Every structure is written in structure tokens, then in C-alpha cells.
Amino acid sequence: FQPGNIDTAKAKQDADLPDNKFFMDEC
């Protein structure tokens, strides 16, 4: 997932579902 031009750190904190735990900059 890539959340777009928003606070990426906050988006990662809000990603509680297993489907959202992979972020592009970490993969």
C-alpha cells in the first residue's frame, strides 16, 4: 500500500488490519 500525500507515519499507525501492514517504502 501507498497512502498518497498524507502523513505516512500516521497511516502506518492506523493500519491495524493485516491487509494494510505492507507499505511500499518498506518492501
PDB file of all heavy atoms in Angstrom:
ATOM      1  N   PHE A   1       0.819  -1.211   0.000  1.00  0.00           N
ATOM      2  CA  PHE A   1       0.000   0.000   0.000  1.00  0.00           C
ATOM      3  C   PHE A   1       0.856   1.265   0.000  1.00  0.00           C
ATOM      4  O   PHE A   1       1.947   1.305   0.557  1.00  0.00           O
ATOM      5  CB  PHE A   1      -0.901  -0.031   1.240  1.00  0.00           C
ATOM      6  CG  PHE A   1      -1.805   1.139   1.396  1.00  0.00           C
ATOM      7  CD1 PHE A   1      -2.824   1.383   0.501  1.00  0.00           C
ATOM      8  CD2 PHE A   1      -1.646   2.006   2.471  1.00  0.00           C
ATOM      9  CE1 PHE A   1      -3.678   2.459   0.664  1.00  0.00           C
ATOM     10  CE2 PHE A   1      -2.488   3.080   2.646  1.00  0.00           C
ATOM     11  CZ  PHE A   1      -3.508   3.309   1.739  1.00  0.00           C
ATOM     12  N   GLN A   2       0.330   2.321  -0.640  1.00  0.00           N
ATOM     13  CA  GLN A   2       0.927   3.654  -0.584  1.00  0.00           C
ATOM     14  C   GLN A   2      -0.194   4.649  -0.305  1.00  0.00           C
ATOM     15  O   GLN A   2      -1.109   4.814  -1.111  1.00  0.00           O
ATOM     16  CB  GLN A   2       1.637   4.012  -1.893  1.00  0.00           C
ATOM     17  CG  GLN A   2       2.121   5.441  -1.990  1.00  0.00           C
ATOM     18  CD  GLN A   2       3.102   5.812  -0.875  1.00  0.00           C
ATOM     19  OE1 GLN A   2       3.869   4.970  -0.442  1.00  0.00           O
ATOM     20  NE2 GLN A   2       3.072   7.044  -0.426  1.00  0.00           N
ATOM     21  N   PRO A   3      -0.156   5.331   0.856  1.00  0.00           N
ATOM     22  CA  PRO A   3      -1.295   6.173   1.253  1.00  0.00           C
ATOM     23  C   PRO A   3      -1.426   7.492   0.526  1.00  0.00           C
ATOM     24  O   PRO A   3      -2.397   8.211   0.737  1.00  0.00           O
ATOM     25  CB  PRO A   3      -1.039   6.403   2.750  1.00  0.00           C
ATOM     26  CG  PRO A   3       0.434   6.281   2.899  1.00  0.00           C
ATOM     27  CD  PRO A   3       0.866   5.258   1.905  1.00  0.00           C
ATOM     28  N   GLY A   4      -0.501   7.884  -0.331  1.00  0.00           N
ATOM     29  CA  GLY A   4      -0.609   9.173  -1.009  1.00  0.00           C
ATOM     30  C   GLY A   4       0.064  10.274  -0.216  1.00  0.00           C
ATOM     31  O   GLY A   4       0.815  10.020   0.737  1.00  0.00           O
ATOM     32  N   ASN A   5      -0.192  11.521  -0.568  1.00  0.00           N
ATOM     33  CA  ASN A   5       0.455  12.669   0.081  1.00  0.00           C
ATOM     34  C   ASN A   5      -0.227  13.012   1.402  1.00  0.00           C
ATOM     35  O   ASN A   5      -0.853  14.049   1.552  1.00  0.00           O
ATOM     36  CB  ASN A   5       0.437  13.890  -0.854  1.00  0.00           C
ATOM     37  CG  ASN A   5       1.415  13.730  -1.999  1.00  0.00           C
ATOM     38  OD1 ASN A   5       2.254  12.838  -1.985  1.00  0.00           O
ATOM     39  ND2 ASN A   5       1.304  14.589  -2.988  1.00  0.00           N
ATOM     40  N   ILE A   6      -0.125  12.111   2.350  1.00  0.00           N
ATOM     41  CA  ILE A   6      -0.637  12.357   3.693  1.00  0.00           C
ATOM     42  C   ILE A   6       0.450  11.944   4.669  1.00  0.00           C
ATOM     43  O   ILE A   6       1.543  11.535   4.264  1.00  0.00           O
ATOM     44  CB  ILE A   6      -1.938  11.568   3.967  1.00  0.00           C
ATOM     45  CG1 ILE A   6      -1.661  10.056   3.875  1.00  0.00           C
ATOM     46  CG2 ILE A   6      -3.025  11.965   3.004  1.00  0.00           C
ATOM     47  CD1 ILE A   6      -2.846   9.225   4.261  1.00  0.00           C
ATOM     48  N   ASP A   7       0.175  12.044   5.939  1.00  0.00           N
ATOM     49  CA  ASP A   7       1.134  11.662   6.963  1.00  0.00           C
ATOM     50  C   ASP A   7       1.303  10.144   6.945  1.00  0.00           C
ATOM     51  O   ASP A   7       0.479   9.400   7.465  1.00  0.00           O
ATOM     52  CB  ASP A   7       0.639  12.125   8.333  1.00  0.00           C
ATOM     53  CG  ASP A   7       1.696  11.935   9.414  1.00  0.00           C
ATOM     54  OD1 ASP A   7       2.649  11.166   9.181  1.00  0.00           O
ATOM     55  OD2 ASP A   7       1.569  12.567  10.473  1.00  0.00           O
ATOM     56  N   THR A   8       2.386   9.675   6.302  1.00  0.00           N
ATOM     57  CA  THR A   8       2.598   8.235   6.156  1.00  0.00           C
ATOM     58  C   THR A   8       2.753   7.549   7.496  1.00  0.00           C
ATOM     59  O   THR A   8       2.265   6.431   7.709  1.00  0.00           O
ATOM     60  CB  THR A   8       3.832   7.968   5.281  1.00  0.00           C
ATOM     61  OG1 THR A   8       3.678   8.653   4.027  1.00  0.00           O
ATOM     62  CG2 THR A   8       3.986   6.486   5.008  1.00  0.00           C
ATOM     63  N   ALA A   9       3.435   8.199   8.423  1.00  0.00           N
ATOM     64  CA  ALA A   9       3.631   7.600   9.746  1.00  0.00           C
ATOM     65  C   ALA A   9       2.297   7.357  10.433  1.00  0.00           C
ATOM     66  O   ALA A   9       2.070   6.308  11.041  1.00  0.00           O
ATOM     67  CB  ALA A   9       4.518   8.504  10.595  1.00  0.00           C
ATOM     68  N   LYS A  10       1.394   8.343  10.333  1.00  0.00           N
ATOM     69  CA  LYS A  10       0.071   8.178  10.940  1.00  0.00           C
ATOM     70  C   LYS A  10      -0.706   7.070  10.236  1.00  0.00           C
ATOM     71  O   LYS A  10      -1.418   6.293  10.879  1.00  0.00           O
ATOM     72  CB  LYS A  10      -0.716   9.485  10.862  1.00  0.00           C
ATOM     73  CG  LYS A  10      -2.077   9.423  11.554  1.00  0.00           C
ATOM     74  CD  LYS A  10      -2.786  10.764  11.459  1.00  0.00           C
ATOM     75  CE  LYS A  10      -4.115  10.719  12.228  1.00  0.00           C
ATOM     76  NZ  LYS A  10      -5.003   9.659  11.737  1.00  0.00           N
ATOM     77  N   ALA A  11      -0.573   7.008   8.919  1.00  0.00           N
ATOM     78  CA  ALA A  11      -1.278   5.965   8.175  1.00  0.00           C
ATOM     79  C   ALA A  11      -0.802   4.585   8.612  1.00  0.00           C
ATOM     80  O   ALA A  11      -1.597   3.645   8.700  1.00  0.00           O
ATOM     81  CB  ALA A  11      -1.058   6.155   6.681  1.00  0.00           C
ATOM     82  N   LYS A  12       0.478   4.460   8.901  1.00  0.00           N
ATOM     83  CA  LYS A  12       1.004   3.169   9.342  1.00  0.00           C
ATOM     84  C   LYS A  12       0.486   2.821  10.731  1.00  0.00           C
ATOM     85  O   LYS A  12       0.218   1.658  11.040  1.00  0.00           O
ATOM     86  CB  LYS A  12       2.531   3.201   9.321  1.00  0.00           C
ATOM     87  CG  LYS A  12       3.112   3.275   7.916  1.00  0.00           C
ATOM     88  CD  LYS A  12       4.628   3.318   7.945  1.00  0.00           C
ATOM     89  CE  LYS A  12       5.200   3.396   6.531  1.00  0.00           C
ATOM     90  NZ  LYS A  12       6.675   3.437   6.525  1.00  0.00           N
ATOM     91  N   GLN A  13       0.336   3.813  11.583  1.00  0.00           N
ATOM     92  CA  GLN A  13      -0.204   3.568  12.919  1.00  0.00           C
ATOM     93  C   GLN A  13      -1.654   3.125  12.859  1.00  0.00           C
ATOM     94  O   GLN A  13      -2.109   2.315  13.671  1.00  0.00           O
ATOM     95  CB  GLN A  13      -0.090   4.830  13.776  1.00  0.00           C
ATOM     96  CG  GLN A  13       1.346   5.200  14.137  1.00  0.00           C
ATOM     97  CD  GLN A  13       1.419   6.505  14.899  1.00  0.00           C
ATOM     98  OE1 GLN A  13       0.401   7.153  15.155  1.00  0.00           O
ATOM     99  NE2 GLN A  13       2.618   6.902  15.280  1.00  0.00           N
ATOM    100  N   ASP A  14      -2.379   3.665  11.866  1.00  0.00           N
ATOM    101  CA  ASP A  14      -3.797   3.337  11.734  1.00  0.00           C
ATOM    102  C   ASP A  14      -4.031   2.029  11.002  1.00  0.00           C
ATOM    103  O   ASP A  14      -5.170   1.567  10.905  1.00  0.00           O
ATOM    104  CB  ASP A  14      -4.541   4.461  11.002  1.00  0.00           C
ATOM    105  CG  ASP A  14      -4.530   5.756  11.804  1.00  0.00           C
ATOM    106  OD1 ASP A  14      -4.306   5.682  13.030  1.00  0.00           O
ATOM    107  OD2 ASP A  14      -4.724   6.819  11.195  1.00  0.00           O
ATOM    108  N   ALA A  15      -2.968   1.445  10.468  1.00  0.00           N
ATOM    109  CA  ALA A  15      -3.108   0.224   9.667  1.00  0.00           C
ATOM    110  C   ALA A  15      -3.177  -0.994  10.579  1.00  0.00           C
ATOM    111  O   ALA A  15      -2.217  -1.726  10.753  1.00  0.00           O
ATOM    112  CB  ALA A  15      -1.948   0.097   8.680  1.00  0.00           C
ATOM    113  N   ASP A  16      -4.322  -1.199  11.191  1.00  0.00           N
ATOM    114  CA  ASP A  16      -4.490  -2.300  12.119  1.00  0.00           C
ATOM    115  C   ASP A  16      -4.781  -3.618  11.406  1.00  0.00           C
ATOM    116  O   ASP A  16      -4.488  -4.690  11.922  1.00  0.00           O
ATOM    117  CB  ASP A  16      -5.630  -2.003  13.098  1.00  0.00           C
ATOM    118  CG  ASP A  16      -5.320  -0.802  13.981  1.00  0.00           C
ATOM    119  OD1 ASP A  16      -4.124  -0.591  14.263  1.00  0.00           O
ATOM    120  OD2 ASP A  16      -6.262  -0.082  14.367  1.00  0.00           O
ATOM    121  N   LEU A  17      -5.374  -3.519  10.223  1.00  0.00           N
ATOM    122  CA  LEU A  17      -5.739  -4.737   9.509  1.00  0.00           C
ATOM    123  C   LEU A  17      -4.514  -5.371   8.858  1.00  0.00           C
ATOM    124  O   LEU A  17      -3.635  -4.676   8.352  1.00  0.00           O
ATOM    125  CB  LEU A  17      -6.784  -4.420   8.421  1.00  0.00           C
ATOM    126  CG  LEU A  17      -8.110  -3.848   8.927  1.00  0.00           C
ATOM    127  CD1 LEU A  17      -9.001  -3.500   7.742  1.00  0.00           C
ATOM    128  CD2 LEU A  17      -8.809  -4.833   9.843  1.00  0.00           C
ATOM    129  N   PRO A  18      -4.423  -6.696   8.860  1.00  0.00           N
ATOM    130  CA  PRO A  18      -3.280  -7.366   8.220  1.00  0.00           C
ATOM    131  C   PRO A  18      -3.131  -7.000   6.753  1.00  0.00           C
ATOM    132  O   PRO A  18      -2.033  -6.950   6.224  1.00  0.00           O
ATOM    133  CB  PRO A  18      -3.631  -8.855   8.385  1.00  0.00           C
ATOM    134  CG  PRO A  18      -4.545  -8.910   9.552  1.00  0.00           C
ATOM    135  CD  PRO A  18      -5.336  -7.627   9.518  1.00  0.00           C
ATOM    136  N   ASP A  19      -4.264  -6.684   6.089  1.00  0.00           N
ATOM    137  CA  ASP A  19      -4.213  -6.339   4.671  1.00  0.00           C
ATOM    138  C   ASP A  19      -3.451  -5.054   4.427  1.00  0.00           C
ATOM    139  O   ASP A  19      -2.950  -4.818   3.334  1.00  0.00           O
ATOM    140  CB  ASP A  19      -5.651  -6.206   4.137  1.00  0.00           C
ATOM    141  CG  ASP A  19      -5.681  -5.969   2.643  1.00  0.00           C
ATOM    142  OD1 ASP A  19      -4.993  -6.708   1.915  1.00  0.00           O
ATOM    143  OD2 ASP A  19      -6.395  -5.056   2.208  1.00  0.00           O
ATOM    144  N   ASN A  20      -3.331  -4.197   5.433  1.00  0.00           N
ATOM    145  CA  ASN A  20      -2.697  -2.892   5.252  1.00  0.00           C
ATOM    146  C   ASN A  20      -1.300  -2.806   5.870  1.00  0.00           C
ATOM    147  O   ASN A  20      -0.748  -1.733   5.976  1.00  0.00           O
ATOM    148  CB  ASN A  20      -3.573  -1.794   5.894  1.00  0.00           C
ATOM    149  CG  ASN A  20      -4.817  -1.520   5.073  1.00  0.00           C
ATOM    150  OD1 ASN A  20      -4.851  -1.850   3.906  1.00  0.00           O
ATOM    151  ND2 ASN A  20      -5.819  -0.939   5.686  1.00  0.00           N
ATOM    152  N   LYS A  21      -0.732  -3.908   6.287  1.00  0.00           N
ATOM    153  CA  LYS A  21       0.525  -3.828   7.025  1.00  0.00           C
ATOM    154  C   LYS A  21       1.755  -3.698   6.126  1.00  0.00           C
ATOM    155  O   LYS A  21       2.836  -3.422   6.622  1.00  0.00           O
ATOM    156  CB  LYS A  21       0.680  -5.037   7.939  1.00  0.00           C
ATOM    157  CG  LYS A  21       0.943  -6.346   7.211  1.00  0.00           C
ATOM    158  CD  LYS A  21       1.125  -7.469   8.232  1.00  0.00           C
ATOM    159  CE  LYS A  21       1.422  -8.791   7.559  1.00  0.00           C
ATOM    160  NZ  LYS A  21       1.593  -9.883   8.543  1.00  0.00           N
ATOM    161  N   PHE A  22       1.590  -3.875   4.800  1.00  0.00           N
ATOM    162  CA  PHE A  22       2.724  -3.754   3.887  1.00  0.00           C
ATOM    163  C   PHE A  22       2.699  -2.378   3.225  1.00  0.00           C
ATOM    164  O   PHE A  22       1.718  -2.016   2.581  1.00  0.00           O
ATOM    165  CB  PHE A  22       2.680  -4.849   2.813  1.00  0.00           C
ATOM    166  CG  PHE A  22       2.859  -6.235   3.352  1.00  0.00           C
ATOM    167  CD1 PHE A  22       1.773  -7.076   3.506  1.00  0.00           C
ATOM    168  CD2 PHE A  22       4.116  -6.693   3.722  1.00  0.00           C
ATOM    169  CE1 PHE A  22       1.927  -8.354   4.003  1.00  0.00           C
ATOM    170  CE2 PHE A  22       4.288  -7.972   4.225  1.00  0.00           C
ATOM    171  CZ  PHE A  22       3.184  -8.805   4.373  1.00  0.00           C
ATOM    172  N   PHE A  23       3.798  -1.619   3.405  1.00  0.00           N
ATOM    173  CA  PHE A  23       3.915  -0.305   2.794  1.00  0.00           C
ATOM    174  C   PHE A  23       5.051  -0.306   1.777  1.00  0.00           C
ATOM    175  O   PHE A  23       6.086  -0.954   1.977  1.00  0.00           O
ATOM    176  CB  PHE A  23       4.155   0.773   3.854  1.00  0.00           C
ATOM    177  CG  PHE A  23       2.934   1.089   4.663  1.00  0.00           C
ATOM    178  CD1 PHE A  23       2.598   0.327   5.767  1.00  0.00           C
ATOM    179  CD2 PHE A  23       2.104   2.140   4.302  1.00  0.00           C
ATOM    180  CE1 PHE A  23       1.464   0.606   6.501  1.00  0.00           C
ATOM    181  CE2 PHE A  23       0.966   2.425   5.034  1.00  0.00           C
ATOM    182  CZ  PHE A  23       0.643   1.655   6.144  1.00  0.00           C
ATOM    183  N   MET A  24       4.850   0.430   0.689  1.00  0.00           N
ATOM    184  CA  MET A  24       5.779   0.378  -0.437  1.00  0.00           C
ATOM    185  C   MET A  24       7.214   0.711  -0.042  1.00  0.00           C
ATOM    186  O   MET A  24       8.154   0.065  -0.523  1.00  0.00           O
ATOM    187  CB  MET A  24       5.308   1.327  -1.542  1.00  0.00           C
ATOM    188  CG  MET A  24       4.023   0.911  -2.232  1.00  0.00           C
ATOM    189  SD  MET A  24       3.636   2.023  -3.608  1.00  0.00           S
ATOM    190  CE  MET A  24       2.002   1.471  -4.050  1.00  0.00           C
ATOM    191  N   ASP A  25       7.395   1.722   0.802  1.00  0.00           N
ATOM    192  CA  ASP A  25       8.757   2.146   1.131  1.00  0.00           C
ATOM    193  C   ASP A  25       9.476   1.151   2.037  1.00  0.00           C
ATOM    194  O   ASP A  25      10.684   1.245   2.234  1.00  0.00           O
ATOM    195  CB  ASP A  25       8.744   3.535   1.775  1.00  0.00           C
ATOM    196  CG  ASP A  25       7.957   3.576   3.070  1.00  0.00           C
ATOM    197  OD1 ASP A  25       7.097   2.691   3.270  1.00  0.00           O
ATOM    198  OD2 ASP A  25       8.196   4.491   3.879  1.00  0.00           O
ATOM    199  N   GLU A  26       8.752   0.166   2.572  1.00  0.00           N
ATOM    200  CA  GLU A  26       9.361  -0.841   3.436  1.00  0.00           C
ATOM    201  C   GLU A  26       9.545  -2.176   2.732  1.00  0.00           C
ATOM    202  O   GLU A  26      10.147  -3.094   3.300  1.00  0.00           O
ATOM    203  CB  GLU A  26       8.491  -1.054   4.676  1.00  0.00           C
ATOM    204  CG  GLU A  26       8.341   0.183   5.546  1.00  0.00           C
ATOM    205  CD  GLU A  26       7.397  -0.052   6.706  1.00  0.00           C
ATOM    206  OE1 GLU A  26       6.660  -1.063   6.671  1.00  0.00           O
ATOM    207  OE2 GLU A  26       7.385   0.771   7.642  1.00  0.00           O
ATOM    208  N   CYS A  27       9.047  -2.301   1.509  1.00  0.00           N
ATOM    209  CA  CYS A  27       9.046  -3.587   0.806  1.00  0.00           C
ATOM    210  C   CYS A  27      10.062  -3.589  -0.335  1.00  0.00           C
ATOM    211  O   CYS A  27       9.886  -2.886  -1.342  1.00  0.00           O
ATOM    212  CB  CYS A  27       7.653  -3.889   0.271  1.00  0.00           C
ATOM    213  SG  CYS A  27       6.406  -4.081   1.559  1.00  0.00           S
TER     214      CYS A  27
END
